[in-house]
Amino acid sequence: MAGRRPSNARDRHTRESQERARLHAARGAWHEGIIRRRTRDNLIASIAGGLIVVGAFASQAAVAQVTPAPSPSPSPSATTTIDSPSPTPDVTPSVESTESPAP
């Protein structure tokens, strides 16, 4: 019976095959766990970021509602320039005669 393996070789092959299958299943489960964790972490980070943005908008709206709007008041320098304008220099064009003397 040359085609058959001895029982200890067959048992060893079966054990190695079972070990490979167990390791393959363990790696697959580990990989699926990593994917689930990344998905969960991304969801938590997105929710936290959204809450921060909404909180920033809400705080800005609350501050805008609570603080009174500033009323415009004239500054002292603005009243002096309006009431007493600075003198402008009197510029009169000089008239030069362009006529030539009569001969």
N, C-alpha and C. Protein backbone atom coordinates (compact mmCIF):
# COMPACT_ATOMS: atom_id res chain seq x y z
N MET A 1 0.81 -1.15 0.00
CA MET A 1 0.00 0.00 0.00
C MET A 1 0.87 1.24 0.00
N ALA A 2 1.35 1.53 -1.13
CA ALA A 2 2.24 2.66 -1.27
C ALA A 2 1.50 3.98 -1.31
N GLY A 3 0.22 4.02 -1.68
CA GLY A 3 -0.54 5.24 -1.81
C GLY A 3 -1.03 5.82 -0.50
N ARG A 4 -1.05 5.05 0.52
CA ARG A 4 -1.57 5.55 1.80
C ARG A 4 -0.43 6.03 2.69
N ARG A 5 -0.74 7.07 3.43
CA ARG A 5 0.25 7.57 4.37
C ARG A 5 0.10 6.84 5.69
N PRO A 6 1.13 6.80 6.44
CA PRO A 6 1.01 6.23 7.77
C PRO A 6 0.10 7.11 8.61
N SER A 7 -0.51 6.54 9.61
CA SER A 7 -1.51 7.25 10.40
C SER A 7 -0.92 8.46 11.13
N ASN A 8 0.30 8.44 11.55
CA ASN A 8 0.87 9.58 12.26
C ASN A 8 1.10 10.76 11.30
N ALA A 9 1.42 10.49 10.05
CA ALA A 9 1.57 11.58 9.07
C ALA A 9 0.20 12.18 8.76
N ARG A 10 -0.80 11.35 8.64
CA ARG A 10 -2.15 11.83 8.37
C ARG A 10 -2.65 12.67 9.54
N ASP A 11 -2.40 12.22 10.75
CA ASP A 11 -2.80 12.97 11.93
C ASP A 11 -2.07 14.32 12.02
N ARG A 12 -0.80 14.31 11.67
CA ARG A 12 -0.03 15.54 11.70
C ARG A 12 -0.57 16.51 10.66
N HIS A 13 -0.86 16.05 9.47
CA HIS A 13 -1.42 16.89 8.41
C HIS A 13 -2.78 17.46 8.84
N THR A 14 -3.59 16.64 9.47
CA THR A 14 -4.91 17.10 9.95
C THR A 14 -4.75 18.16 11.03
N ARG A 15 -3.82 17.92 11.94
CA ARG A 15 -3.59 18.90 13.00
C ARG A 15 -3.08 20.23 12.43
N GLU A 16 -2.16 20.17 11.47
CA GLU A 16 -1.64 21.40 10.85
C GLU A 16 -2.74 22.13 10.10
N SER A 17 -3.58 21.40 9.41
CA SER A 17 -4.70 22.00 8.68
C SER A 17 -5.68 22.67 9.65
N GLN A 18 -5.97 22.00 10.75
CA GLN A 18 -6.87 22.59 11.74
C GLN A 18 -6.27 23.84 12.37
N GLU A 19 -4.96 23.80 12.61
CA GLU A 19 -4.28 24.97 13.19
C GLU A 19 -4.31 26.14 12.21
N ARG A 20 -4.07 25.90 10.92
CA ARG A 20 -4.14 26.96 9.91
C ARG A 20 -5.55 27.54 9.83
N ALA A 21 -6.55 26.69 9.88
CA ALA A 21 -7.94 27.16 9.84
C ALA A 21 -8.27 27.99 11.09
N ARG A 22 -7.78 27.56 12.25
CA ARG A 22 -8.03 28.30 13.49
C ARG A 22 -7.36 29.67 13.44
N LEU A 23 -6.11 29.71 12.98
CA LEU A 23 -5.40 30.99 12.87
C LEU A 23 -6.07 31.91 11.86
N HIS A 24 -6.53 31.35 10.76
CA HIS A 24 -7.21 32.16 9.74
C HIS A 24 -8.50 32.77 10.30
N ALA A 25 -9.25 31.99 11.04
CA ALA A 25 -10.49 32.49 11.65
C ALA A 25 -10.18 33.55 12.70
N ALA A 26 -9.11 33.34 13.47
CA ALA A 26 -8.73 34.31 14.51
C ALA A 26 -8.30 35.63 13.89
N ARG A 27 -7.52 35.56 12.80
CA ARG A 27 -7.10 36.80 12.13
C ARG A 27 -8.30 37.53 11.53
N GLY A 28 -9.22 36.76 10.95
CA GLY A 28 -10.43 37.37 10.39
C GLY A 28 -11.26 38.07 11.46
N ALA A 29 -11.41 37.42 12.61
CA ALA A 29 -12.17 38.02 13.71
C ALA A 29 -11.46 39.27 14.23
N TRP A 30 -10.14 39.22 14.33
CA TRP A 30 -9.36 40.37 14.80
C TRP A 30 -9.52 41.53 13.83
N HIS A 31 -9.44 41.25 12.53
CA HIS A 31 -9.59 42.28 11.51
C HIS A 31 -10.99 42.90 11.55
N GLU A 32 -12.01 42.09 11.70
CA GLU A 32 -13.39 42.60 11.80
C GLU A 32 -13.54 43.47 13.04
N GLY A 33 -12.89 43.10 14.13
CA GLY A 33 -12.93 43.91 15.35
C GLY A 33 -12.30 45.27 15.15
N ILE A 34 -11.19 45.31 14.42
CA ILE A 34 -10.53 46.58 14.12
C ILE A 34 -11.44 47.47 13.27
N ILE A 35 -12.08 46.88 12.28
CA ILE A 35 -12.99 47.66 11.42
C ILE A 35 -14.15 48.22 12.24
N ARG A 36 -14.74 47.41 13.11
CA ARG A 36 -15.84 47.89 13.96
C ARG A 36 -15.37 49.01 14.89
N ARG A 37 -14.17 48.88 15.45
CA ARG A 37 -13.64 49.90 16.35
C ARG A 37 -13.41 51.21 15.61
N ARG A 38 -12.83 51.15 14.40
CA ARG A 38 -12.61 52.36 13.62
C ARG A 38 -13.92 53.04 13.27
N THR A 39 -14.92 52.25 12.89
CA THR A 39 -16.23 52.82 12.56
C THR A 39 -16.83 53.50 13.79
N ARG A 40 -16.75 52.84 14.93
CA ARG A 40 -17.29 53.42 16.17
C ARG A 40 -16.54 54.69 16.54
N ASP A 41 -15.20 54.67 16.44
CA ASP A 41 -14.41 55.86 16.78
C ASP A 41 -14.74 57.02 15.85
N ASN A 42 -14.89 56.74 14.56
CA ASN A 42 -15.23 57.80 13.60
C ASN A 42 -16.61 58.38 13.91
N LEU A 43 -17.55 57.54 14.28
CA LEU A 43 -18.89 58.02 14.61
C LEU A 43 -18.85 58.91 15.85
N ILE A 44 -18.13 58.48 16.87
CA ILE A 44 -18.02 59.27 18.10
C ILE A 44 -17.33 60.60 17.82
N ALA A 45 -16.27 60.58 17.02
CA ALA A 45 -15.56 61.83 16.70
C ALA A 45 -16.44 62.77 15.89
N SER A 46 -17.23 62.25 14.97
CA SER A 46 -18.13 63.09 14.18
C SER A 46 -19.20 63.73 15.06
N ILE A 47 -19.76 62.96 15.96
CA ILE A 47 -20.79 63.50 16.86
C ILE A 47 -20.17 64.57 17.77
N ALA A 48 -19.00 64.30 18.31
CA ALA A 48 -18.35 65.28 19.19
C ALA A 48 -18.00 66.56 18.42
N GLY A 49 -17.49 66.44 17.21
CA GLY A 49 -17.18 67.61 16.41
C GLY A 49 -18.43 68.41 16.07
N GLY A 50 -19.50 67.72 15.74
CA GLY A 50 -20.76 68.41 15.45
C GLY A 50 -21.29 69.14 16.67
N LEU A 51 -21.18 68.53 17.85
CA LEU A 51 -21.63 69.20 19.07
C LEU A 51 -20.78 70.44 19.37
N ILE A 52 -19.51 70.36 19.09
CA ILE A 52 -18.64 71.53 19.31
C ILE A 52 -19.04 72.67 18.38
N VAL A 53 -19.29 72.37 17.12
CA VAL A 53 -19.70 73.41 16.16
C VAL A 53 -21.04 74.01 16.55
N VAL A 54 -22.00 73.17 16.91
CA VAL A 54 -23.33 73.66 17.33
C VAL A 54 -23.19 74.50 18.60
N GLY A 55 -22.36 74.08 19.52
CA GLY A 55 -22.13 74.84 20.74
C GLY A 55 -21.51 76.20 20.46
N ALA A 56 -20.58 76.25 19.51
CA ALA A 56 -19.96 77.53 19.15
C ALA A 56 -21.00 78.48 18.56
N PHE A 57 -21.85 77.97 17.67
CA PHE A 57 -22.90 78.81 17.10
C PHE A 57 -23.86 79.28 18.18
N ALA A 58 -24.25 78.39 19.08
CA ALA A 58 -25.19 78.75 20.13
C ALA A 58 -24.59 79.79 21.07
N SER A 59 -23.33 79.64 21.42
CA SER A 59 -22.71 80.62 22.32
C SER A 59 -22.60 81.99 21.64
N GLN A 60 -22.28 82.02 20.37
CA GLN A 60 -22.22 83.29 19.66
C GLN A 60 -23.59 83.95 19.58
N ALA A 61 -24.64 83.16 19.35
CA ALA A 61 -25.99 83.70 19.29
C ALA A 61 -26.40 84.22 20.67
N ALA A 62 -26.05 83.50 21.73
CA ALA A 62 -26.39 83.95 23.08
C ALA A 62 -25.68 85.25 23.42
N VAL A 63 -24.43 85.36 23.08
CA VAL A 63 -23.68 86.59 23.36
C VAL A 63 -24.26 87.75 22.56
N ALA A 64 -24.65 87.51 21.33
CA ALA A 64 -25.23 88.57 20.50
C ALA A 64 -26.57 89.02 21.05
N GLN A 65 -27.33 88.14 21.67
CA GLN A 65 -28.62 88.50 22.24
C GLN A 65 -28.47 89.24 23.57
N VAL A 66 -27.48 88.89 24.35
CA VAL A 66 -27.32 89.45 25.69
C VAL A 66 -26.66 90.83 25.65
N THR A 67 -25.63 90.99 24.85
CA THR A 67 -24.90 92.26 24.83
C THR A 67 -25.68 93.28 24.02
N PRO A 68 -25.78 94.54 24.51
CA PRO A 68 -26.49 95.57 23.74
C PRO A 68 -25.65 96.02 22.55
N ALA A 69 -26.35 96.45 21.53
CA ALA A 69 -25.65 96.93 20.35
C ALA A 69 -25.05 98.30 20.67
N PRO A 70 -23.85 98.57 20.27
CA PRO A 70 -23.24 99.87 20.58
C PRO A 70 -23.94 100.98 19.78
N SER A 71 -24.22 102.09 20.46
CA SER A 71 -24.85 103.21 19.76
C SER A 71 -23.74 104.13 19.26
N PRO A 72 -23.89 104.63 18.07
CA PRO A 72 -22.83 105.49 17.54
C PRO A 72 -22.82 106.83 18.27
N SER A 73 -21.69 107.28 18.66
CA SER A 73 -21.54 108.58 19.29
C SER A 73 -20.41 109.31 18.58
N PRO A 74 -20.60 110.60 18.37
CA PRO A 74 -19.55 111.34 17.65
C PRO A 74 -18.30 111.46 18.51
N SER A 75 -17.20 111.36 17.87
CA SER A 75 -15.94 111.52 18.58
C SER A 75 -15.57 113.00 18.62
N PRO A 76 -14.76 113.42 19.58
CA PRO A 76 -14.41 114.85 19.67
C PRO A 76 -13.71 115.37 18.43
N SER A 77 -12.89 114.56 17.82
CA SER A 77 -12.17 115.04 16.63
C SER A 77 -13.13 115.20 15.46
N ALA A 78 -14.19 114.41 15.41
CA ALA A 78 -15.13 114.55 14.31
C ALA A 78 -15.93 115.83 14.44
N THR A 79 -16.25 116.27 15.66
CA THR A 79 -17.01 117.50 15.83
C THR A 79 -16.17 118.72 15.52
N THR A 80 -14.90 118.70 15.82
CA THR A 80 -14.07 119.87 15.54
C THR A 80 -13.87 120.05 14.05
N THR A 81 -13.77 118.98 13.31
CA THR A 81 -13.57 119.15 11.88
C THR A 81 -14.85 119.57 11.19
N ILE A 82 -16.00 119.16 11.73
CA ILE A 82 -17.25 119.56 11.11
C ILE A 82 -17.59 120.99 11.47
N ASP A 83 -17.41 121.40 12.74
CA ASP A 83 -17.79 122.73 13.19
C ASP A 83 -16.82 123.80 12.71
N SER A 84 -15.57 123.53 12.79
CA SER A 84 -14.60 124.54 12.36
C SER A 84 -13.65 123.91 11.35
N PRO A 85 -13.99 124.05 10.10
CA PRO A 85 -13.11 123.45 9.10
C PRO A 85 -11.76 124.15 9.08
N SER A 86 -10.78 123.41 8.71
CA SER A 86 -9.45 123.99 8.64
C SER A 86 -9.39 124.93 7.45
N PRO A 87 -8.68 126.00 7.61
CA PRO A 87 -8.63 126.97 6.49
C PRO A 87 -7.90 126.36 5.29
N THR A 88 -8.43 126.64 4.15
CA THR A 88 -7.79 126.16 2.93
C THR A 88 -6.94 127.29 2.38
N PRO A 89 -5.82 126.96 1.87
CA PRO A 89 -4.97 128.05 1.34
C PRO A 89 -5.63 128.68 0.11
N ASP A 90 -5.50 129.98 0.05
CA ASP A 90 -6.09 130.71 -1.08
C ASP A 90 -5.10 130.66 -2.23
N VAL A 91 -5.48 129.94 -3.21
CA VAL A 91 -4.61 129.79 -4.37
C VAL A 91 -5.23 130.59 -5.51
N THR A 92 -4.53 131.64 -5.88
CA THR A 92 -5.00 132.42 -7.02
C THR A 92 -4.02 132.21 -8.15
N PRO A 93 -4.54 131.93 -9.30
CA PRO A 93 -3.61 131.71 -10.41
C PRO A 93 -2.96 133.03 -10.81
N SER A 94 -1.69 132.94 -11.03
CA SER A 94 -0.97 134.14 -11.47
C SER A 94 -1.17 134.30 -12.97
N VAL A 95 -1.48 135.50 -13.34
CA VAL A 95 -1.74 135.78 -14.75
C VAL A 95 -0.47 136.37 -15.34
N GLU A 96 0.07 135.71 -16.25
CA GLU A 96 1.28 136.20 -16.91
C GLU A 96 0.88 136.66 -18.30
N SER A 97 1.48 137.67 -18.71
CA SER A 97 1.15 138.16 -20.03
C SER A 97 1.95 137.36 -21.03
N THR A 98 1.26 136.87 -21.99
CA THR A 98 1.91 136.08 -23.03
C THR A 98 2.05 136.89 -24.30
N GLU A 99 1.66 138.15 -24.21
CA GLU A 99 1.78 138.99 -25.40
C GLU A 99 3.20 139.49 -25.54
N SER A 100 3.61 139.61 -26.71
CA SER A 100 4.94 140.13 -26.96
C SER A 100 4.83 141.67 -27.08
N PRO A 101 5.84 142.35 -26.74
CA PRO A 101 5.80 143.81 -26.84
C PRO A 101 5.60 144.25 -28.29
N ALA A 102 4.88 145.33 -28.42
CA ALA A 102 4.59 145.84 -29.75
C ALA A 102 5.84 146.49 -30.33
N PRO A 103 6.13 146.35 -31.59
CA PRO A 103 7.33 146.96 -32.16
C PRO A 103 7.14 148.35 -32.63
